[in-house]
Amino acid sequence: MGFESPQELWIKDIKQEMLECVQRSRILKEIFCFSFLSSLSSSGGGGGILWLLFAIAKWEEIYKVGLE
């Protein structure tokens, strides 16, 4: 049992910050081509995918994670 988080509301409020964070991520730049990351802003952000990528980017930023 549980409930679904209101991701769409959260994304709506901080979408630009999320996009910038995702586009700064070194890890995500290694995994995805830049055009894909840039396309998130023009494609409506992809809701769920943007949320997941934002979580990875924030984890990288907060814990100073990098690729070796």
PDB file of N, CA and C in Angstrom:
ATOM      1  N   MET A   1       0.847  -1.170   0.000  1.00  0.00           N
ATOM      2  CA  MET A   1       0.000   0.000   0.000  1.00  0.00           C
ATOM      3  C   MET A   1       0.897   1.239   0.000  1.00  0.00           C
ATOM      4  N   GLY A   2       0.350   2.288  -0.476  1.00  0.00           N
ATOM      5  CA  GLY A   2       1.081   3.543  -0.537  1.00  0.00           C
ATOM      6  C   GLY A   2       0.329   4.526  -1.404  1.00  0.00           C
ATOM      7  N   PHE A   3       1.011   5.534  -1.771  1.00  0.00           N
ATOM      8  CA  PHE A   3       0.384   6.527  -2.636  1.00  0.00           C
ATOM      9  C   PHE A   3       1.414   7.028  -3.641  1.00  0.00           C
ATOM     10  N   GLU A   4       0.922   7.518  -4.749  1.00  0.00           N
ATOM     11  CA  GLU A   4       1.787   8.050  -5.784  1.00  0.00           C
ATOM     12  C   GLU A   4       2.183   9.482  -5.430  1.00  0.00           C
ATOM     13  N   SER A   5       3.450   9.782  -5.604  1.00  0.00           N
ATOM     14  CA  SER A   5       3.900  11.149  -5.309  1.00  0.00           C
ATOM     15  C   SER A   5       3.417  12.101  -6.412  1.00  0.00           C
ATOM     16  N   PRO A   6       3.192  13.346  -6.060  1.00  0.00           N
ATOM     17  CA  PRO A   6       2.695  14.323  -7.040  1.00  0.00           C
ATOM     18  C   PRO A   6       3.827  14.904  -7.894  1.00  0.00           C
ATOM     19  N   GLN A   7       4.524  14.031  -8.615  1.00  0.00           N
ATOM     20  CA  GLN A   7       5.686  14.443  -9.401  1.00  0.00           C
ATOM     21  C   GLN A   7       5.369  15.559 -10.385  1.00  0.00           C
ATOM     22  N   GLU A   8       4.241  15.452 -11.057  1.00  0.00           N
ATOM     23  CA  GLU A   8       3.909  16.458 -12.067  1.00  0.00           C
ATOM     24  C   GLU A   8       3.819  17.858 -11.454  1.00  0.00           C
ATOM     25  N   LEU A   9       3.257  17.965 -10.252  1.00  0.00           N
ATOM     26  CA  LEU A   9       3.185  19.268  -9.577  1.00  0.00           C
ATOM     27  C   LEU A   9       4.575  19.766  -9.201  1.00  0.00           C
ATOM     28  N   TRP A  10       5.396  18.868  -8.682  1.00  0.00           N
ATOM     29  CA  TRP A  10       6.745  19.254  -8.292  1.00  0.00           C
ATOM     30  C   TRP A  10       7.548  19.688  -9.511  1.00  0.00           C
ATOM     31  N   ILE A  11       7.446  18.907 -10.581  1.00  0.00           N
ATOM     32  CA  ILE A  11       8.190  19.213 -11.799  1.00  0.00           C
ATOM     33  C   ILE A  11       7.770  20.572 -12.347  1.00  0.00           C
ATOM     34  N   LYS A  12       6.491  20.839 -12.335  1.00  0.00           N
ATOM     35  CA  LYS A  12       5.981  22.107 -12.854  1.00  0.00           C
ATOM     36  C   LYS A  12       6.621  23.291 -12.132  1.00  0.00           C
ATOM     37  N   ASP A  13       6.790  23.177 -10.830  1.00  0.00           N
ATOM     38  CA  ASP A  13       7.325  24.277 -10.025  1.00  0.00           C
ATOM     39  C   ASP A  13       8.831  24.492 -10.188  1.00  0.00           C
ATOM     40  N   ILE A  14       9.586  23.416 -10.411  1.00  0.00           N
ATOM     41  CA  ILE A  14      11.048  23.553 -10.461  1.00  0.00           C
ATOM     42  C   ILE A  14      11.652  22.977 -11.747  1.00  0.00           C
ATOM     43  N   LYS A  15      10.879  22.916 -12.808  1.00  0.00           N
ATOM     44  CA  LYS A  15      11.336  22.285 -14.048  1.00  0.00           C
ATOM     45  C   LYS A  15      12.639  22.886 -14.571  1.00  0.00           C
ATOM     46  N   GLN A  16      12.751  24.197 -14.617  1.00  0.00           N
ATOM     47  CA  GLN A  16      13.960  24.827 -15.157  1.00  0.00           C
ATOM     48  C   GLN A  16      15.184  24.458 -14.325  1.00  0.00           C
ATOM     49  N   GLU A  17      15.045  24.471 -13.012  1.00  0.00           N
ATOM     50  CA  GLU A  17      16.151  24.066 -12.133  1.00  0.00           C
ATOM     51  C   GLU A  17      16.536  22.610 -12.379  1.00  0.00           C
ATOM     52  N   MET A  18      15.538  21.754 -12.568  1.00  0.00           N
ATOM     53  CA  MET A  18      15.795  20.340 -12.833  1.00  0.00           C
ATOM     54  C   MET A  18      16.553  20.161 -14.142  1.00  0.00           C
ATOM     55  N   LEU A  19      16.114  20.849 -15.183  1.00  0.00           N
ATOM     56  CA  LEU A  19      16.769  20.747 -16.490  1.00  0.00           C
ATOM     57  C   LEU A  19      18.223  21.202 -16.414  1.00  0.00           C
ATOM     58  N   GLU A  20      18.476  22.294 -15.723  1.00  0.00           N
ATOM     59  CA  GLU A  20      19.841  22.801 -15.586  1.00  0.00           C
ATOM     60  C   GLU A  20      20.720  21.815 -14.825  1.00  0.00           C
ATOM     61  N   CYS A  21      20.190  21.240 -13.783  1.00  0.00           N
ATOM     62  CA  CYS A  21      20.931  20.263 -12.980  1.00  0.00           C
ATOM     63  C   CYS A  21      21.270  19.028 -13.821  1.00  0.00           C
ATOM     64  N   VAL A  22      20.303  18.531 -14.566  1.00  0.00           N
ATOM     65  CA  VAL A  22      20.510  17.363 -15.429  1.00  0.00           C
ATOM     66  C   VAL A  22      21.554  17.681 -16.499  1.00  0.00           C
ATOM     67  N   GLN A  23      21.484  18.845 -17.090  1.00  0.00           N
ATOM     68  CA  GLN A  23      22.414  19.207 -18.160  1.00  0.00           C
ATOM     69  C   GLN A  23      23.828  19.475 -17.647  1.00  0.00           C
ATOM     70  N   ARG A  24      23.997  19.773 -16.365  1.00  0.00           N
ATOM     71  CA  ARG A  24      25.332  19.965 -15.760  1.00  0.00           C
ATOM     72  C   ARG A  24      25.991  18.647 -15.374  1.00  0.00           C
ATOM     73  N   SER A  25      25.218  17.601 -15.217  1.00  0.00           N
ATOM     74  CA  SER A  25      25.721  16.335 -14.692  1.00  0.00           C
ATOM     75  C   SER A  25      26.768  15.696 -15.605  1.00  0.00           C
ATOM     76  N   ARG A  26      27.948  15.461 -15.063  1.00  0.00           N
ATOM     77  CA  ARG A  26      29.011  14.797 -15.830  1.00  0.00           C
ATOM     78  C   ARG A  26      28.676  13.328 -16.078  1.00  0.00           C
ATOM     79  N   ILE A  27      28.085  12.693 -15.089  1.00  0.00           N
ATOM     80  CA  ILE A  27      27.718  11.280 -15.243  1.00  0.00           C
ATOM     81  C   ILE A  27      26.702  11.118 -16.365  1.00  0.00           C
ATOM     82  N   LEU A  28      25.672  11.943 -16.363  1.00  0.00           N
ATOM     83  CA  LEU A  28      24.638  11.831 -17.392  1.00  0.00           C
ATOM     84  C   LEU A  28      25.182  12.183 -18.771  1.00  0.00           C
ATOM     85  N   LYS A  29      26.141  13.099 -18.844  1.00  0.00           N
ATOM     86  CA  LYS A  29      26.762  13.431 -20.131  1.00  0.00           C
ATOM     87  C   LYS A  29      27.555  12.252 -20.681  1.00  0.00           C
ATOM     88  N   GLU A  30      28.104  11.414 -19.795  1.00  0.00           N
ATOM     89  CA  GLU A  30      28.832  10.220 -20.228  1.00  0.00           C
ATOM     90  C   GLU A  30      27.885   9.146 -20.747  1.00  0.00           C
ATOM     91  N   ILE A  31      26.713   9.055 -20.141  1.00  0.00           N
ATOM     92  CA  ILE A  31      25.768   7.990 -20.477  1.00  0.00           C
ATOM     93  C   ILE A  31      24.895   8.356 -21.673  1.00  0.00           C
ATOM     94  N   PHE A  32      24.434   9.600 -21.713  1.00  0.00           N
ATOM     95  CA  PHE A  32      23.514  10.055 -22.756  1.00  0.00           C
ATOM     96  C   PHE A  32      24.202  11.078 -23.644  1.00  0.00           C
ATOM     97  N   CYS A  33      23.777  11.135 -24.895  1.00  0.00           N
ATOM     98  CA  CYS A  33      24.314  12.178 -25.770  1.00  0.00           C
ATOM     99  C   CYS A  33      23.696  13.518 -25.368  1.00  0.00           C
ATOM    100  N   PHE A  34      24.451  14.583 -25.581  1.00  0.00           N
ATOM    101  CA  PHE A  34      24.014  15.911 -25.161  1.00  0.00           C
ATOM    102  C   PHE A  34      22.692  16.297 -25.806  1.00  0.00           C
ATOM    103  N   SER A  35      22.475  15.885 -27.056  1.00  0.00           N
ATOM    104  CA  SER A  35      21.228  16.258 -27.734  1.00  0.00           C
ATOM    105  C   SER A  35      20.009  15.672 -27.015  1.00  0.00           C
ATOM    106  N   PHE A  36      20.157  14.477 -26.425  1.00  0.00           N
ATOM    107  CA  PHE A  36      19.043  13.897 -25.667  1.00  0.00           C
ATOM    108  C   PHE A  36      18.758  14.737 -24.429  1.00  0.00           C
ATOM    109  N   LEU A  37      19.796  15.098 -23.698  1.00  0.00           N
ATOM    110  CA  LEU A  37      19.611  15.893 -22.486  1.00  0.00           C
ATOM    111  C   LEU A  37      19.036  17.263 -22.816  1.00  0.00           C
ATOM    112  N   SER A  38      19.485  17.845 -23.917  1.00  0.00           N
ATOM    113  CA  SER A  38      18.958  19.150 -24.336  1.00  0.00           C
ATOM    114  C   SER A  38      17.511  19.055 -24.787  1.00  0.00           C
ATOM    115  N   SER A  39      17.142  17.917 -25.364  1.00  0.00           N
ATOM    116  CA  SER A  39      15.780  17.757 -25.887  1.00  0.00           C
ATOM    117  C   SER A  39      14.729  17.662 -24.783  1.00  0.00           C
ATOM    118  N   LEU A  40      15.138  17.416 -23.561  1.00  0.00           N
ATOM    119  CA  LEU A  40      14.170  17.296 -22.467  1.00  0.00           C
ATOM    120  C   LEU A  40      13.367  18.575 -22.278  1.00  0.00           C
ATOM    121  N   SER A  41      13.989  19.716 -22.501  1.00  0.00           N
ATOM    122  CA  SER A  41      13.268  20.980 -22.310  1.00  0.00           C
ATOM    123  C   SER A  41      12.250  21.216 -23.409  1.00  0.00           C
ATOM    124  N   SER A  42      12.556  20.817 -24.632  1.00  0.00           N
ATOM    125  CA  SER A  42      11.624  21.055 -25.734  1.00  0.00           C
ATOM    126  C   SER A  42      10.560  19.973 -25.847  1.00  0.00           C
ATOM    127  N   SER A  43      10.805  18.809 -25.249  1.00  0.00           N
ATOM    128  CA  SER A  43       9.846  17.710 -25.362  1.00  0.00           C
ATOM    129  C   SER A  43       8.869  17.676 -24.197  1.00  0.00           C
ATOM    130  N   GLY A  44       8.776  18.746 -23.469  1.00  0.00           N
ATOM    131  CA  GLY A  44       7.877  18.755 -22.323  1.00  0.00           C
ATOM    132  C   GLY A  44       8.522  18.164 -21.089  1.00  0.00           C
ATOM    133  N   GLY A  45       9.796  17.809 -21.186  1.00  0.00           N
ATOM    134  CA  GLY A  45      10.527  17.333 -20.025  1.00  0.00           C
ATOM    135  C   GLY A  45      10.417  15.854 -19.772  1.00  0.00           C
ATOM    136  N   GLY A  46       9.507  15.169 -20.390  1.00  0.00           N
ATOM    137  CA  GLY A  46       9.415  13.744 -20.216  1.00  0.00           C
ATOM    138  C   GLY A  46       9.006  13.303 -18.831  1.00  0.00           C
ATOM    139  N   GLY A  47       8.494  14.210 -18.005  1.00  0.00           N
ATOM    140  CA  GLY A  47       7.952  13.870 -16.689  1.00  0.00           C
ATOM    141  C   GLY A  47       8.765  12.875 -15.906  1.00  0.00           C
ATOM    142  N   GLY A  48       8.447  11.600 -16.075  1.00  0.00           N
ATOM    143  CA  GLY A  48       9.095  10.539 -15.308  1.00  0.00           C
ATOM    144  C   GLY A  48      10.584  10.436 -15.558  1.00  0.00           C
ATOM    145  N   ILE A  49      10.988  10.513 -16.824  1.00  0.00           N
ATOM    146  CA  ILE A  49      12.414  10.403 -17.130  1.00  0.00           C
ATOM    147  C   ILE A  49      13.175  11.604 -16.574  1.00  0.00           C
ATOM    148  N   LEU A  50      12.588  12.777 -16.654  1.00  0.00           N
ATOM    149  CA  LEU A  50      13.239  13.965 -16.092  1.00  0.00           C
ATOM    150  C   LEU A  50      13.410  13.806 -14.589  1.00  0.00           C
ATOM    151  N   TRP A  51      12.412  13.297 -13.919  1.00  0.00           N
ATOM    152  CA  TRP A  51      12.475  13.089 -12.468  1.00  0.00           C
ATOM    153  C   TRP A  51      13.610  12.129 -12.105  1.00  0.00           C
ATOM    154  N   LEU A  52      13.737  11.031 -12.849  1.00  0.00           N
ATOM    155  CA  LEU A  52      14.790  10.047 -12.579  1.00  0.00           C
ATOM    156  C   LEU A  52      16.181  10.621 -12.847  1.00  0.00           C
ATOM    157  N   LEU A  53      16.326  11.324 -13.954  1.00  0.00           N
ATOM    158  CA  LEU A  53      17.618  11.926 -14.277  1.00  0.00           C
ATOM    159  C   LEU A  53      17.997  13.007 -13.263  1.00  0.00           C
ATOM    160  N   PHE A  54      17.017  13.757 -12.805  1.00  0.00           N
ATOM    161  CA  PHE A  54      17.254  14.780 -11.785  1.00  0.00           C
ATOM    162  C   PHE A  54      17.753  14.134 -10.490  1.00  0.00           C
ATOM    163  N   ALA A  55      17.164  13.013 -10.113  1.00  0.00           N
ATOM    164  CA  ALA A  55      17.595  12.312  -8.896  1.00  0.00           C
ATOM    165  C   ALA A  55      19.059  11.884  -9.010  1.00  0.00           C
ATOM    166  N   ILE A  56      19.449  11.374 -10.165  1.00  0.00           N
ATOM    167  CA  ILE A  56      20.845  10.970 -10.375  1.00  0.00           C
ATOM    168  C   ILE A  56      21.765  12.190 -10.320  1.00  0.00           C
ATOM    169  N   ALA A  57      21.369  13.260 -10.992  1.00  0.00           N
ATOM    170  CA  ALA A  57      22.197  14.471 -11.031  1.00  0.00           C
ATOM    171  C   ALA A  57      22.363  15.084  -9.638  1.00  0.00           C
ATOM    172  N   LYS A  58      21.304  15.111  -8.845  1.00  0.00           N
ATOM    173  CA  LYS A  58      21.399  15.657  -7.484  1.00  0.00           C
ATOM    174  C   LYS A  58      22.261  14.763  -6.600  1.00  0.00           C
ATOM    175  N   TRP A  59      22.142  13.452  -6.760  1.00  0.00           N
ATOM    176  CA  TRP A  59      22.971  12.498  -6.011  1.00  0.00           C
ATOM    177  C   TRP A  59      24.444  12.756  -6.334  1.00  0.00           C
ATOM    178  N   GLU A  60      24.739  12.921  -7.614  1.00  0.00           N
ATOM    179  CA  GLU A  60      26.111  13.215  -8.046  1.00  0.00           C
ATOM    180  C   GLU A  60      26.612  14.520  -7.422  1.00  0.00           C
ATOM    181  N   GLU A  61      25.774  15.534  -7.431  1.00  0.00           N
ATOM    182  CA  GLU A  61      26.139  16.854  -6.907  1.00  0.00           C
ATOM    183  C   GLU A  61      26.336  16.840  -5.390  1.00  0.00           C
ATOM    184  N   ILE A  62      25.402  16.269  -4.669  1.00  0.00           N
ATOM    185  CA  ILE A  62      25.443  16.278  -3.199  1.00  0.00           C
ATOM    186  C   ILE A  62      26.597  15.438  -2.660  1.00  0.00           C
ATOM    187  N   TYR A  63      26.785  14.244  -3.237  1.00  0.00           N
ATOM    188  CA  TYR A  63      27.793  13.322  -2.720  1.00  0.00           C
ATOM    189  C   TYR A  63      29.122  13.388  -3.472  1.00  0.00           C
ATOM    190  N   LYS A  64      29.245  14.357  -4.390  1.00  0.00           N
ATOM    191  CA  LYS A  64      30.499  14.567  -5.134  1.00  0.00           C
ATOM    192  C   LYS A  64      30.959  13.287  -5.823  1.00  0.00           C
ATOM    193  N   VAL A  65      30.017  12.607  -6.453  1.00  0.00           N
ATOM    194  CA  VAL A  65      30.293  11.360  -7.155  1.00  0.00           C
ATOM    195  C   VAL A  65      30.831  11.697  -8.542  1.00  0.00           C
ATOM    196  N   GLY A  66      31.763  10.907  -9.009  1.00  0.00           N
ATOM    197  CA  GLY A  66      32.291  11.126 -10.348  1.00  0.00           C
ATOM    198  C   GLY A  66      32.677   9.812 -10.997  1.00  0.00           C
ATOM    199  N   LEU A  67      32.986   9.892 -12.264  1.00  0.00           N
ATOM    200  CA  LEU A  67      33.460   8.730 -13.002  1.00  0.00           C
ATOM    201  C   LEU A  67      34.974   8.753 -13.009  1.00  0.00           C
ATOM    202  N   GLU A  68      35.554   7.589 -12.918  1.00  0.00           N
ATOM    203  CA  GLU A  68      37.022   7.513 -12.910  1.00  0.00           C
ATOM    204  C   GLU A  68      37.532   7.099 -14.250  1.00  0.00           C
TER     205      GLU A  68
END
